[in-house]
Amino acid sequence: MSRDIFKEYDNGTVIEAEIIRREGLRDWGAPPFVVESIDGIEVEKDRYSTARSLAHIFEKYDNPRLEIDEGLIPIEVAIDGNPAISTFLHGVHEFSKDEIAETMDVKTETVTKYLRRFR
């Protein structure tokens, strides 16, 4: 399987995937999705939504602490508020929207708004 750049961000972070081209339809990426930062950090994700969240973390923060214990948030993310926290939990720790909602004591719809807002 060969990977191609599926999405590229302004800071040079990319998401790579096997791209499926369909006549008359939008191109689609097949897992695994590989997020590559400009620093050469590569992280493989099974879902595009978590790959996209991680790419946004790479785009916003220099050297994000990916090795932090599950459920913990780096201080630089925490001070940026709920959208940043939600995106970090989703992209780095692979929490589902329901898990994030339970952790933050908000509705799942609120988490969806947080994830959109962080982009």
PDB file of N, CA and C in Angstrom:
ATOM      1  N   MET A   1       0.848  -1.172   0.000  1.00  0.00           N
ATOM      2  CA  MET A   1       0.000   0.000   0.000  1.00  0.00           C
ATOM      3  C   MET A   1       0.894   1.237   0.000  1.00  0.00           C
ATOM      4  N   SER A   2       0.613   2.158  -0.874  1.00  0.00           N
ATOM      5  CA  SER A   2       1.402   3.391  -0.898  1.00  0.00           C
ATOM      6  C   SER A   2       0.570   4.516  -0.294  1.00  0.00           C
ATOM      7  N   ARG A   3       1.259   5.380   0.455  1.00  0.00           N
ATOM      8  CA  ARG A   3       0.599   6.507   1.080  1.00  0.00           C
ATOM      9  C   ARG A   3       0.898   7.767   0.284  1.00  0.00           C
ATOM     10  N   ASP A   4      -0.073   8.629   0.254  1.00  0.00           N
ATOM     11  CA  ASP A   4       0.070   9.945  -0.350  1.00  0.00           C
ATOM     12  C   ASP A   4      -0.423  10.975   0.652  1.00  0.00           C
ATOM     13  N   ILE A   5      -0.075  12.219   0.406  1.00  0.00           N
ATOM     14  CA  ILE A   5      -0.577  13.289   1.271  1.00  0.00           C
ATOM     15  C   ILE A   5      -2.071  13.435   1.031  1.00  0.00           C
ATOM     16  N   PHE A   6      -2.826  13.245   2.085  1.00  0.00           N
ATOM     17  CA  PHE A   6      -4.286  13.354   2.027  1.00  0.00           C
ATOM     18  C   PHE A   6      -4.738  14.760   2.391  1.00  0.00           C
ATOM     19  N   LYS A   7      -4.054  15.366   3.380  1.00  0.00           N
ATOM     20  CA  LYS A   7      -4.370  16.733   3.799  1.00  0.00           C
ATOM     21  C   LYS A   7      -3.080  17.388   4.254  1.00  0.00           C
ATOM     22  N   GLU A   8      -2.895  18.650   3.861  1.00  0.00           N
ATOM     23  CA  GLU A   8      -1.712  19.400   4.263  1.00  0.00           C
ATOM     24  C   GLU A   8      -2.147  20.685   4.960  1.00  0.00           C
ATOM     25  N   TYR A   9      -1.473  21.003   6.056  1.00  0.00           N
ATOM     26  CA  TYR A   9      -1.796  22.181   6.852  1.00  0.00           C
ATOM     27  C   TYR A   9      -0.787  23.287   6.589  1.00  0.00           C
ATOM     28  N   ASP A  10      -1.162  24.510   6.955  1.00  0.00           N
ATOM     29  CA  ASP A  10      -0.340  25.688   6.678  1.00  0.00           C
ATOM     30  C   ASP A  10       1.072  25.597   7.244  1.00  0.00           C
ATOM     31  N   ASN A  11       1.229  24.941   8.397  1.00  0.00           N
ATOM     32  CA  ASN A  11       2.548  24.885   9.026  1.00  0.00           C
ATOM     33  C   ASN A  11       3.398  23.733   8.504  1.00  0.00           C
ATOM     34  N   GLY A  12       2.886  22.957   7.552  1.00  0.00           N
ATOM     35  CA  GLY A  12       3.649  21.846   6.986  1.00  0.00           C
ATOM     36  C   GLY A  12       3.274  20.481   7.530  1.00  0.00           C
ATOM     37  N   THR A  13       2.464  20.426   8.580  1.00  0.00           N
ATOM     38  CA  THR A  13       1.958  19.145   9.079  1.00  0.00           C
ATOM     39  C   THR A  13       1.110  18.508   7.988  1.00  0.00           C
ATOM     40  N   VAL A  14       1.248  17.190   7.826  1.00  0.00           N
ATOM     41  CA  VAL A  14       0.461  16.485   6.810  1.00  0.00           C
ATOM     42  C   VAL A  14      -0.201  15.256   7.412  1.00  0.00           C
ATOM     43  N   ILE A  15      -1.305  14.868   6.792  1.00  0.00           N
ATOM     44  CA  ILE A  15      -1.927  13.574   7.058  1.00  0.00           C
ATOM     45  C   ILE A  15      -1.769  12.771   5.780  1.00  0.00           C
ATOM     46  N   GLU A  16      -1.141  11.608   5.914  1.00  0.00           N
ATOM     47  CA  GLU A  16      -0.951  10.717   4.772  1.00  0.00           C
ATOM     48  C   GLU A  16      -1.884   9.521   4.908  1.00  0.00           C
ATOM     49  N   ALA A  17      -2.334   9.016   3.765  1.00  0.00           N
ATOM     50  CA  ALA A  17      -3.210   7.845   3.745  1.00  0.00           C
ATOM     51  C   ALA A  17      -3.175   7.247   2.343  1.00  0.00           C
ATOM     52  N   GLU A  18      -3.697   6.051   2.231  1.00  0.00           N
ATOM     53  CA  GLU A  18      -3.919   5.502   0.899  1.00  0.00           C
ATOM     54  C   GLU A  18      -5.138   6.232   0.345  1.00  0.00           C
ATOM     55  N   ILE A  19      -4.973   6.882  -0.784  1.00  0.00           N
ATOM     56  CA  ILE A  19      -6.063   7.672  -1.353  1.00  0.00           C
ATOM     57  C   ILE A  19      -6.827   6.828  -2.351  1.00  0.00           C
ATOM     58  N   ILE A  20      -8.129   6.780  -2.142  1.00  0.00           N
ATOM     59  CA  ILE A  20      -9.016   6.038  -3.027  1.00  0.00           C
ATOM     60  C   ILE A  20      -9.711   7.054  -3.917  1.00  0.00           C
ATOM     61  N   ARG A  21      -9.489   6.915  -5.201  1.00  0.00           N
ATOM     62  CA  ARG A  21     -10.091   7.848  -6.163  1.00  0.00           C
ATOM     63  C   ARG A  21     -11.294   7.164  -6.805  1.00  0.00           C
ATOM     64  N   ARG A  22     -12.414   7.887  -6.800  1.00  0.00           N
ATOM     65  CA  ARG A  22     -13.651   7.345  -7.368  1.00  0.00           C
ATOM     66  C   ARG A  22     -14.183   8.318  -8.411  1.00  0.00           C
ATOM     67  N   GLU A  23     -14.469   7.794  -9.541  1.00  0.00           N
ATOM     68  CA  GLU A  23     -14.974   8.588 -10.674  1.00  0.00           C
ATOM     69  C   GLU A  23     -16.186   9.413 -10.254  1.00  0.00           C
ATOM     70  N   GLY A  24     -16.088  10.722 -10.410  1.00  0.00           N
ATOM     71  CA  GLY A  24     -17.205  11.614 -10.137  1.00  0.00           C
ATOM     72  C   GLY A  24     -17.465  11.875  -8.658  1.00  0.00           C
ATOM     73  N   LEU A  25     -16.670  11.279  -7.788  1.00  0.00           N
ATOM     74  CA  LEU A  25     -16.862  11.473  -6.352  1.00  0.00           C
ATOM     75  C   LEU A  25     -15.596  12.035  -5.727  1.00  0.00           C
ATOM     76  N   ARG A  26     -15.731  12.524  -4.532  1.00  0.00           N
ATOM     77  CA  ARG A  26     -14.605  13.072  -3.782  1.00  0.00           C
ATOM     78  C   ARG A  26     -13.603  11.962  -3.440  1.00  0.00           C
ATOM     79  N   ASP A  27     -12.309  12.300  -3.471  1.00  0.00           N
ATOM     80  CA  ASP A  27     -11.284  11.342  -3.053  1.00  0.00           C
ATOM     81  C   ASP A  27     -11.500  10.985  -1.584  1.00  0.00           C
ATOM     82  N   TRP A  28     -11.124   9.773  -1.239  1.00  0.00           N
ATOM     83  CA  TRP A  28     -11.311   9.291   0.120  1.00  0.00           C
ATOM     84  C   TRP A  28     -10.018   8.693   0.621  1.00  0.00           C
ATOM     85  N   GLY A  29      -9.713   8.834   1.885  1.00  0.00           N
ATOM     86  CA  GLY A  29      -8.517   8.255   2.472  1.00  0.00           C
ATOM     87  C   GLY A  29      -8.863   6.992   3.236  1.00  0.00           C
ATOM     88  N   ALA A  30      -8.034   5.971   3.087  1.00  0.00           N
ATOM     89  CA  ALA A  30      -8.247   4.716   3.802  1.00  0.00           C
ATOM     90  C   ALA A  30      -7.233   4.609   4.937  1.00  0.00           C
ATOM     91  N   PRO A  31      -7.666   4.097   6.087  1.00  0.00           N
ATOM     92  CA  PRO A  31      -6.736   3.944   7.199  1.00  0.00           C
ATOM     93  C   PRO A  31      -5.648   2.928   6.874  1.00  0.00           C
ATOM     94  N   PRO A  32      -4.520   3.025   7.547  1.00  0.00           N
ATOM     95  CA  PRO A  32      -4.226   3.944   8.640  1.00  0.00           C
ATOM     96  C   PRO A  32      -3.880   5.334   8.117  1.00  0.00           C
ATOM     97  N   PHE A  33      -4.148   6.326   8.951  1.00  0.00           N
ATOM     98  CA  PHE A  33      -3.792   7.708   8.661  1.00  0.00           C
ATOM     99  C   PHE A  33      -2.518   8.023   9.428  1.00  0.00           C
ATOM    100  N   VAL A  34      -1.529   8.580   8.759  1.00  0.00           N
ATOM    101  CA  VAL A  34      -0.263   8.906   9.406  1.00  0.00           C
ATOM    102  C   VAL A  34      -0.136  10.421   9.461  1.00  0.00           C
ATOM    103  N   VAL A  35      -0.054  10.936  10.682  1.00  0.00           N
ATOM    104  CA  VAL A  35       0.124  12.372  10.902  1.00  0.00           C
ATOM    105  C   VAL A  35       1.613  12.617  11.055  1.00  0.00           C
ATOM    106  N   GLU A  36       2.140  13.519  10.230  1.00  0.00           N
ATOM    107  CA  GLU A  36       3.569  13.831  10.284  1.00  0.00           C
ATOM    108  C   GLU A  36       3.741  15.323  10.538  1.00  0.00           C
ATOM    109  N   SER A  37       4.447  15.630  11.628  1.00  0.00           N
ATOM    110  CA  SER A  37       4.702  17.031  11.974  1.00  0.00           C
ATOM    111  C   SER A  37       5.897  17.545  11.179  1.00  0.00           C
ATOM    112  N   ILE A  38       6.099  18.856  11.203  1.00  0.00           N
ATOM    113  CA  ILE A  38       7.247  19.436  10.513  1.00  0.00           C
ATOM    114  C   ILE A  38       8.550  19.022  11.177  1.00  0.00           C
ATOM    115  N   ASP A  39       8.461  18.550  12.431  1.00  0.00           N
ATOM    116  CA  ASP A  39       9.648  18.077  13.151  1.00  0.00           C
ATOM    117  C   ASP A  39       9.963  16.614  12.850  1.00  0.00           C
ATOM    118  N   GLY A  40       9.169  16.004  11.973  1.00  0.00           N
ATOM    119  CA  GLY A  40       9.410  14.614  11.601  1.00  0.00           C
ATOM    120  C   GLY A  40       8.758  13.592  12.509  1.00  0.00           C
ATOM    121  N   ILE A  41       7.943  14.029  13.461  1.00  0.00           N
ATOM    122  CA  ILE A  41       7.220  13.091  14.326  1.00  0.00           C
ATOM    123  C   ILE A  41       6.098  12.464  13.496  1.00  0.00           C
ATOM    124  N   GLU A  42       6.033  11.133  13.482  1.00  0.00           N
ATOM    125  CA  GLU A  42       4.983  10.418  12.768  1.00  0.00           C
ATOM    126  C   GLU A  42       4.155   9.615  13.755  1.00  0.00           C
ATOM    127  N   VAL A  43       2.835   9.774  13.664  1.00  0.00           N
ATOM    128  CA  VAL A  43       1.924   9.042  14.532  1.00  0.00           C
ATOM    129  C   VAL A  43       0.830   8.445  13.654  1.00  0.00           C
ATOM    130  N   GLU A  44       0.576   7.154  13.839  1.00  0.00           N
ATOM    131  CA  GLU A  44      -0.440   6.459  13.054  1.00  0.00           C
ATOM    132  C   GLU A  44      -1.757   6.432  13.825  1.00  0.00           C
ATOM    133  N   LYS A  45      -2.831   6.738  13.121  1.00  0.00           N
ATOM    134  CA  LYS A  45      -4.178   6.728  13.702  1.00  0.00           C
ATOM    135  C   LYS A  45      -5.098   5.890  12.819  1.00  0.00           C
ATOM    136  N   ASP A  46      -6.049   5.209  13.433  1.00  0.00           N
ATOM    137  CA  ASP A  46      -6.997   4.386  12.684  1.00  0.00           C
ATOM    138  C   ASP A  46      -8.183   5.182  12.158  1.00  0.00           C
ATOM    139  N   ARG A  47      -8.473   6.313  12.809  1.00  0.00           N
ATOM    140  CA  ARG A  47      -9.630   7.113  12.392  1.00  0.00           C
ATOM    141  C   ARG A  47      -9.172   8.486  11.914  1.00  0.00           C
ATOM    142  N   TYR A  48      -9.818   8.969  10.864  1.00  0.00           N
ATOM    143  CA  TYR A  48      -9.457  10.269  10.313  1.00  0.00           C
ATOM    144  C   TYR A  48      -9.723  11.385  11.325  1.00  0.00           C
ATOM    145  N   SER A  49     -10.805  11.273  12.093  1.00  0.00           N
ATOM    146  CA  SER A  49     -11.134  12.346  13.039  1.00  0.00           C
ATOM    147  C   SER A  49     -10.042  12.519  14.090  1.00  0.00           C
ATOM    148  N   THR A  50      -9.468  11.426  14.579  1.00  0.00           N
ATOM    149  CA  THR A  50      -8.381  11.557  15.563  1.00  0.00           C
ATOM    150  C   THR A  50      -7.100  12.044  14.899  1.00  0.00           C
ATOM    151  N   ALA A  51      -6.870  11.626  13.655  1.00  0.00           N
ATOM    152  CA  ALA A  51      -5.701  12.115  12.909  1.00  0.00           C
ATOM    153  C   ALA A  51      -5.806  13.624  12.694  1.00  0.00           C
ATOM    154  N   ARG A  52      -6.996  14.081  12.337  1.00  0.00           N
ATOM    155  CA  ARG A  52      -7.209  15.514  12.106  1.00  0.00           C
ATOM    156  C   ARG A  52      -7.017  16.304  13.399  1.00  0.00           C
ATOM    157  N   SER A  53      -7.533  15.775  14.511  1.00  0.00           N
ATOM    158  CA  SER A  53      -7.338  16.464  15.798  1.00  0.00           C
ATOM    159  C   SER A  53      -5.864  16.540  16.160  1.00  0.00           C
ATOM    160  N   LEU A  54      -5.133  15.447  15.959  1.00  0.00           N
ATOM    161  CA  LEU A  54      -3.703  15.458  16.254  1.00  0.00           C
ATOM    162  C   LEU A  54      -2.969  16.450  15.349  1.00  0.00           C
ATOM    163  N   ALA A  55      -3.342  16.507  14.084  1.00  0.00           N
ATOM    164  CA  ALA A  55      -2.719  17.464  13.159  1.00  0.00           C
ATOM    165  C   ALA A  55      -2.942  18.899  13.635  1.00  0.00           C
ATOM    166  N   HIS A  56      -4.137  19.176  14.155  1.00  0.00           N
ATOM    167  CA  HIS A  56      -4.411  20.516  14.685  1.00  0.00           C
ATOM    168  C   HIS A  56      -3.558  20.802  15.919  1.00  0.00           C
ATOM    169  N   ILE A  57      -3.318  19.800  16.743  1.00  0.00           N
ATOM    170  CA  ILE A  57      -2.429  19.964  17.900  1.00  0.00           C
ATOM    171  C   ILE A  57      -1.011  20.281  17.416  1.00  0.00           C
ATOM    172  N   PHE A  58      -0.526  19.523  16.414  1.00  0.00           N
ATOM    173  CA  PHE A  58       0.806  19.786  15.848  1.00  0.00           C
ATOM    174  C   PHE A  58       0.878  21.188  15.251  1.00  0.00           C
ATOM    175  N   GLU A  59      -0.223  21.625  14.656  1.00  0.00           N
ATOM    176  CA  GLU A  59      -0.254  22.939  14.013  1.00  0.00           C
ATOM    177  C   GLU A  59      -0.173  24.072  15.052  1.00  0.00           C
ATOM    178  N   LYS A  60      -0.791  23.880  16.185  1.00  0.00           N
ATOM    179  CA  LYS A  60      -0.889  24.941  17.198  1.00  0.00           C
ATOM    180  C   LYS A  60       0.282  24.964  18.187  1.00  0.00           C
ATOM    181  N   TYR A  61       0.805  23.785  18.541  1.00  0.00           N
ATOM    182  CA  TYR A  61       1.806  23.708  19.612  1.00  0.00           C
ATOM    183  C   TYR A  61       3.118  23.147  19.096  1.00  0.00           C
ATOM    184  N   ASP A  62       4.214  23.795  19.489  1.00  0.00           N
ATOM    185  CA  ASP A  62       5.538  23.257  19.200  1.00  0.00           C
ATOM    186  C   ASP A  62       5.825  22.145  20.209  1.00  0.00           C
ATOM    187  N   ASN A  63       6.281  21.017  19.706  1.00  0.00           N
ATOM    188  CA  ASN A  63       6.651  19.886  20.565  1.00  0.00           C
ATOM    189  C   ASN A  63       5.582  19.519  21.589  1.00  0.00           C
ATOM    190  N   PRO A  64       4.363  19.170  21.127  1.00  0.00           N
ATOM    191  CA  PRO A  64       3.336  18.769  22.090  1.00  0.00           C
ATOM    192  C   PRO A  64       3.772  17.499  22.822  1.00  0.00           C
ATOM    193  N   ARG A  65       3.406  17.389  24.072  1.00  0.00           N
ATOM    194  CA  ARG A  65       3.827  16.254  24.895  1.00  0.00           C
ATOM    195  C   ARG A  65       2.915  15.059  24.636  1.00  0.00           C
ATOM    196  N   LEU A  66       3.231  14.268  23.630  1.00  0.00           N
ATOM    197  CA  LEU A  66       2.407  13.132  23.250  1.00  0.00           C
ATOM    198  C   LEU A  66       2.537  11.969  24.220  1.00  0.00           C
ATOM    199  N   GLU A  67       3.632  11.923  24.966  1.00  0.00           N
ATOM    200  CA  GLU A  67       3.884  10.807  25.864  1.00  0.00           C
ATOM    201  C   GLU A  67       3.239  11.000  27.240  1.00  0.00           C
ATOM    202  N   ILE A  68       2.485  12.045  27.419  1.00  0.00           N
ATOM    203  CA  ILE A  68       1.848  12.333  28.711  1.00  0.00           C
ATOM    204  C   ILE A  68       0.858  11.214  29.048  1.00  0.00           C
ATOM    205  N   ASP A  69       0.722  10.916  30.337  1.00  0.00           N
ATOM    206  CA  ASP A  69      -0.174   9.849  30.781  1.00  0.00           C
ATOM    207  C   ASP A  69      -1.587  10.086  30.277  1.00  0.00           C
ATOM    208  N   GLU A  70      -2.293   8.977  29.997  1.00  0.00           N
ATOM    209  CA  GLU A  70      -3.641   9.062  29.441  1.00  0.00           C
ATOM    210  C   GLU A  70      -4.540   9.910  30.326  1.00  0.00           C
ATOM    211  N   GLY A  71      -5.263  10.805  29.678  1.00  0.00           N
ATOM    212  CA  GLY A  71      -6.203  11.665  30.367  1.00  0.00           C
ATOM    213  C   GLY A  71      -5.606  12.953  30.896  1.00  0.00           C
ATOM    214  N   LEU A  72      -4.268  13.043  30.943  1.00  0.00           N
ATOM    215  CA  LEU A  72      -3.638  14.275  31.409  1.00  0.00           C
ATOM    216  C   LEU A  72      -3.442  15.242  30.252  1.00  0.00           C
ATOM    217  N   ILE A  73      -3.402  16.508  30.582  1.00  0.00           N
ATOM    218  CA  ILE A  73      -3.305  17.575  29.589  1.00  0.00           C
ATOM    219  C   ILE A  73      -2.109  18.456  29.918  1.00  0.00           C
ATOM    220  N   PRO A  74      -1.247  18.750  28.924  1.00  0.00           N
ATOM    221  CA  PRO A  74      -0.148  19.689  29.183  1.00  0.00           C
ATOM    222  C   PRO A  74      -0.693  21.073  29.549  1.00  0.00           C
ATOM    223  N   ILE A  75       0.019  21.777  30.389  1.00  0.00           N
ATOM    224  CA  ILE A  75      -0.437  23.084  30.871  1.00  0.00           C
ATOM    225  C   ILE A  75      -0.682  24.060  29.715  1.00  0.00           C
ATOM    226  N   GLU A  76       0.174  24.025  28.675  1.00  0.00           N
ATOM    227  CA  GLU A  76      -0.005  24.969  27.566  1.00  0.00           C
ATOM    228  C   GLU A  76      -1.304  24.710  26.805  1.00  0.00           C
ATOM    229  N   VAL A  77      -1.789  23.474  26.822  1.00  0.00           N
ATOM    230  CA  VAL A  77      -3.076  23.145  26.205  1.00  0.00           C
ATOM    231  C   VAL A  77      -4.206  23.568  27.138  1.00  0.00           C
ATOM    232  N   ALA A  78      -4.067  23.240  28.414  1.00  0.00           N
ATOM    233  CA  ALA A  78      -5.118  23.538  29.391  1.00  0.00           C
ATOM    234  C   ALA A  78      -5.444  25.026  29.458  1.00  0.00           C
ATOM    235  N   ILE A  79      -4.412  25.867  29.398  1.00  0.00           N
ATOM    236  CA  ILE A  79      -4.690  27.310  29.506  1.00  0.00           C
ATOM    237  C   ILE A  79      -5.379  27.872  28.261  1.00  0.00           C
ATOM    238  N   ASP A  80      -5.376  27.099  27.164  1.00  0.00           N
ATOM    239  CA  ASP A  80      -6.088  27.535  25.951  1.00  0.00           C
ATOM    240  C   ASP A  80      -7.570  27.193  25.986  1.00  0.00           C
ATOM    241  N   GLY A  81      -8.026  26.479  27.009  1.00  0.00           N
ATOM    242  CA  GLY A  81      -9.457  26.275  27.209  1.00  0.00           C
ATOM    243  C   GLY A  81     -10.012  24.968  26.674  1.00  0.00           C
ATOM    244  N   ASN A  82     -11.324  24.861  26.800  1.00  0.00           N
ATOM    245  CA  ASN A  82     -12.027  23.615  26.488  1.00  0.00           C
ATOM    246  C   ASN A  82     -11.862  23.115  25.050  1.00  0.00           C
ATOM    247  N   PRO A  83     -11.897  23.985  24.042  1.00  0.00           N
ATOM    248  CA  PRO A  83     -11.677  23.462  22.691  1.00  0.00           C
ATOM    249  C   PRO A  83     -10.307  22.787  22.540  1.00  0.00           C
ATOM    250  N   ALA A  84      -9.266  23.373  23.109  1.00  0.00           N
ATOM    251  CA  ALA A  84      -7.928  22.789  23.031  1.00  0.00           C
ATOM    252  C   ALA A  84      -7.860  21.488  23.820  1.00  0.00           C
ATOM    253  N   ILE A  85      -8.449  21.470  25.005  1.00  0.00           N
ATOM    254  CA  ILE A  85      -8.461  20.258  25.829  1.00  0.00           C
ATOM    255  C   ILE A  85      -9.181  19.129  25.104  1.00  0.00           C
ATOM    256  N   SER A  86     -10.341  19.424  24.536  1.00  0.00           N
ATOM    257  CA  SER A  86     -11.106  18.402  23.803  1.00  0.00           C
ATOM    258  C   SER A  86     -10.313  17.848  22.629  1.00  0.00           C
ATOM    259  N   THR A  87      -9.670  18.726  21.898  1.00  0.00           N
ATOM    260  CA  THR A  87      -8.899  18.309  20.728  1.00  0.00           C
ATOM    261  C   THR A  87      -7.709  17.462  21.148  1.00  0.00           C
ATOM    262  N   PHE A  88      -7.051  17.818  22.237  1.00  0.00           N
ATOM    263  CA  PHE A  88      -5.922  17.033  22.735  1.00  0.00           C
ATOM    264  C   PHE A  88      -6.388  15.644  23.168  1.00  0.00           C
ATOM    265  N   LEU A  89      -7.475  15.573  23.933  1.00  0.00           N
ATOM    266  CA  LEU A  89      -7.990  14.273  24.371  1.00  0.00           C
ATOM    267  C   LEU A  89      -8.369  13.402  23.183  1.00  0.00           C
ATOM    268  N   HIS A  90      -8.960  14.008  22.161  1.00  0.00           N
ATOM    269  CA  HIS A  90      -9.398  13.262  20.975  1.00  0.00           C
ATOM    270  C   HIS A  90      -8.207  12.829  20.120  1.00  0.00           C
ATOM    271  N   GLY A  91      -7.283  13.747  19.859  1.00  0.00           N
ATOM    272  CA  GLY A  91      -6.188  13.460  18.942  1.00  0.00           C
ATOM    273  C   GLY A  91      -5.047  12.678  19.550  1.00  0.00           C
ATOM    274  N   VAL A  92      -4.693  12.982  20.783  1.00  0.00           N
ATOM    275  CA  VAL A  92      -3.540  12.342  21.415  1.00  0.00           C
ATOM    276  C   VAL A  92      -3.951  11.081  22.168  1.00  0.00           C
ATOM    277  N   HIS A  93      -4.978  11.193  23.016  1.00  0.00           N
ATOM    278  CA  HIS A  93      -5.388  10.053  23.833  1.00  0.00           C
ATOM    279  C   HIS A  93      -6.471   9.200  23.177  1.00  0.00           C
ATOM    280  N   GLU A  94      -6.976   9.644  22.016  1.00  0.00           N
ATOM    281  CA  GLU A  94      -7.996   8.924  21.239  1.00  0.00           C
ATOM    282  C   GLU A  94      -9.288   8.702  22.018  1.00  0.00           C
ATOM    283  N   PHE A  95      -9.644   9.664  22.864  1.00  0.00           N
ATOM    284  CA  PHE A  95     -10.928   9.603  23.538  1.00  0.00           C
ATOM    285  C   PHE A  95     -12.024   9.831  22.492  1.00  0.00           C
ATOM    286  N   SER A  96     -13.140   9.123  22.635  1.00  0.00           N
ATOM    287  CA  SER A  96     -14.301   9.374  21.780  1.00  0.00           C
ATOM    288  C   SER A  96     -14.973  10.655  22.261  1.00  0.00           C
ATOM    289  N   LYS A  97     -15.872  11.175  21.456  1.00  0.00           N
ATOM    290  CA  LYS A  97     -16.602  12.383  21.862  1.00  0.00           C
ATOM    291  C   LYS A  97     -17.395  12.122  23.134  1.00  0.00           C
ATOM    292  N   ASP A  98     -17.989  10.927  23.248  1.00  0.00           N
ATOM    293  CA  ASP A  98     -18.743  10.584  24.460  1.00  0.00           C
ATOM    294  C   ASP A  98     -17.837  10.540  25.693  1.00  0.00           C
ATOM    295  N   GLU A  99     -16.641   9.981  25.541  1.00  0.00           N
ATOM    296  CA  GLU A  99     -15.696   9.925  26.662  1.00  0.00           C
ATOM    297  C   GLU A  99     -15.237  11.319  27.076  1.00  0.00           C
ATOM    298  N   ILE A 100     -15.010  12.185  26.086  1.00  0.00           N
ATOM    299  CA  ILE A 100     -14.614  13.562  26.394  1.00  0.00           C
ATOM    300  C   ILE A 100     -15.751  14.274  27.128  1.00  0.00           C
ATOM    301  N   ALA A 101     -16.984  14.083  26.634  1.00  0.00           N
ATOM    302  CA  ALA A 101     -18.148  14.714  27.261  1.00  0.00           C
ATOM    303  C   ALA A 101     -18.277  14.275  28.716  1.00  0.00           C
ATOM    304  N   GLU A 102     -18.103  12.988  28.973  1.00  0.00           N
ATOM    305  CA  GLU A 102     -18.192  12.479  30.346  1.00  0.00           C
ATOM    306  C   GLU A 102     -17.070  13.055  31.213  1.00  0.00           C
ATOM    307  N   THR A 103     -15.864  13.094  30.682  1.00  0.00           N
ATOM    308  CA  THR A 103     -14.718  13.617  31.416  1.00  0.00           C
ATOM    309  C   THR A 103     -14.901  15.089  31.758  1.00  0.00           C
ATOM    310  N   MET A 104     -15.429  15.856  30.807  1.00  0.00           N
ATOM    311  CA  MET A 104     -15.562  17.302  31.000  1.00  0.00           C
ATOM    312  C   MET A 104     -16.918  17.701  31.575  1.00  0.00           C
ATOM    313  N   ASP A 105     -17.811  16.720  31.743  1.00  0.00           N
ATOM    314  CA  ASP A 105     -19.150  16.963  32.273  1.00  0.00           C
ATOM    315  C   ASP A 105     -19.928  17.964  31.409  1.00  0.00           C
ATOM    316  N   VAL A 106     -19.913  17.688  30.091  1.00  0.00           N
ATOM    317  CA  VAL A 106     -20.684  18.480  29.126  1.00  0.00           C
ATOM    318  C   VAL A 106     -21.394  17.507  28.184  1.00  0.00           C
ATOM    319  N   LYS A 107     -22.271  18.022  27.354  1.00  0.00           N
ATOM    320  CA  LYS A 107     -22.966  17.188  26.377  1.00  0.00           C
ATOM    321  C   LYS A 107     -22.025  16.845  25.220  1.00  0.00           C
ATOM    322  N   THR A 108     -22.304  15.733  24.551  1.00  0.00           N
ATOM    323  CA  THR A 108     -21.515  15.313  23.393  1.00  0.00           C
ATOM    324  C   THR A 108     -21.560  16.381  22.301  1.00  0.00           C
ATOM    325  N   GLU A 109     -22.701  17.035  22.139  1.00  0.00           N
ATOM    326  CA  GLU A 109     -22.830  18.094  21.135  1.00  0.00           C
ATOM    327  C   GLU A 109     -21.887  19.260  21.435  1.00  0.00           C
ATOM    328  N   THR A 110     -21.661  19.511  22.704  1.00  0.00           N
ATOM    329  CA  THR A 110     -20.737  20.576  23.102  1.00  0.00           C
ATOM    330  C   THR A 110     -19.309  20.202  22.710  1.00  0.00           C
ATOM    331  N   VAL A 111     -18.961  18.936  22.898  1.00  0.00           N
ATOM    332  CA  VAL A 111     -17.630  18.466  22.502  1.00  0.00           C
ATOM    333  C   VAL A 111     -17.453  18.628  20.996  1.00  0.00           C
ATOM    334  N   THR A 112     -18.475  18.290  20.223  1.00  0.00           N
ATOM    335  CA  THR A 112     -18.410  18.462  18.767  1.00  0.00           C
ATOM    336  C   THR A 112     -18.146  19.924  18.424  1.00  0.00           C
ATOM    337  N   LYS A 113     -18.801  20.839  19.109  1.00  0.00           N
ATOM    338  CA  LYS A 113     -18.563  22.271  18.888  1.00  0.00           C
ATOM    339  C   LYS A 113     -17.145  22.667  19.269  1.00  0.00           C
ATOM    340  N   TYR A 114     -16.647  22.130  20.374  1.00  0.00           N
ATOM    341  CA  TYR A 114     -15.268  22.420  20.794  1.00  0.00           C
ATOM    342  C   TYR A 114     -14.281  21.971  19.722  1.00  0.00           C
ATOM    343  N   LEU A 115     -14.471  20.757  19.197  1.00  0.00           N
ATOM    344  CA  LEU A 115     -13.553  20.236  18.191  1.00  0.00           C
ATOM    345  C   LEU A 115     -13.568  21.085  16.927  1.00  0.00           C
ATOM    346  N   ARG A 116     -14.739  21.541  16.529  1.00  0.00           N
ATOM    347  CA  ARG A 116     -14.839  22.415  15.347  1.00  0.00           C
ATOM    348  C   ARG A 116     -14.195  23.768  15.614  1.00  0.00           C
ATOM    349  N   ARG A 117     -14.409  24.284  16.811  1.00  0.00           N
ATOM    350  CA  ARG A 117     -13.895  25.609  17.167  1.00  0.00           C
ATOM    351  C   ARG A 117     -12.379  25.658  17.182  1.00  0.00           C
ATOM    352  N   PHE A 118     -11.736  24.546  17.520  1.00  0.00           N
ATOM    353  CA  PHE A 118     -10.274  24.546  17.642  1.00  0.00           C
ATOM    354  C   PHE A 118      -9.579  24.619  16.293  1.00  0.00           C
ATOM    355  N   ARG A 119     -10.247  24.251  15.216  1.00  0.00           N
ATOM    356  CA  ARG A 119      -9.620  24.240  13.891  1.00  0.00           C
ATOM    357  C   ARG A 119      -9.163  25.604  13.480  1.00  0.00           C
TER     358      ARG A 119
END
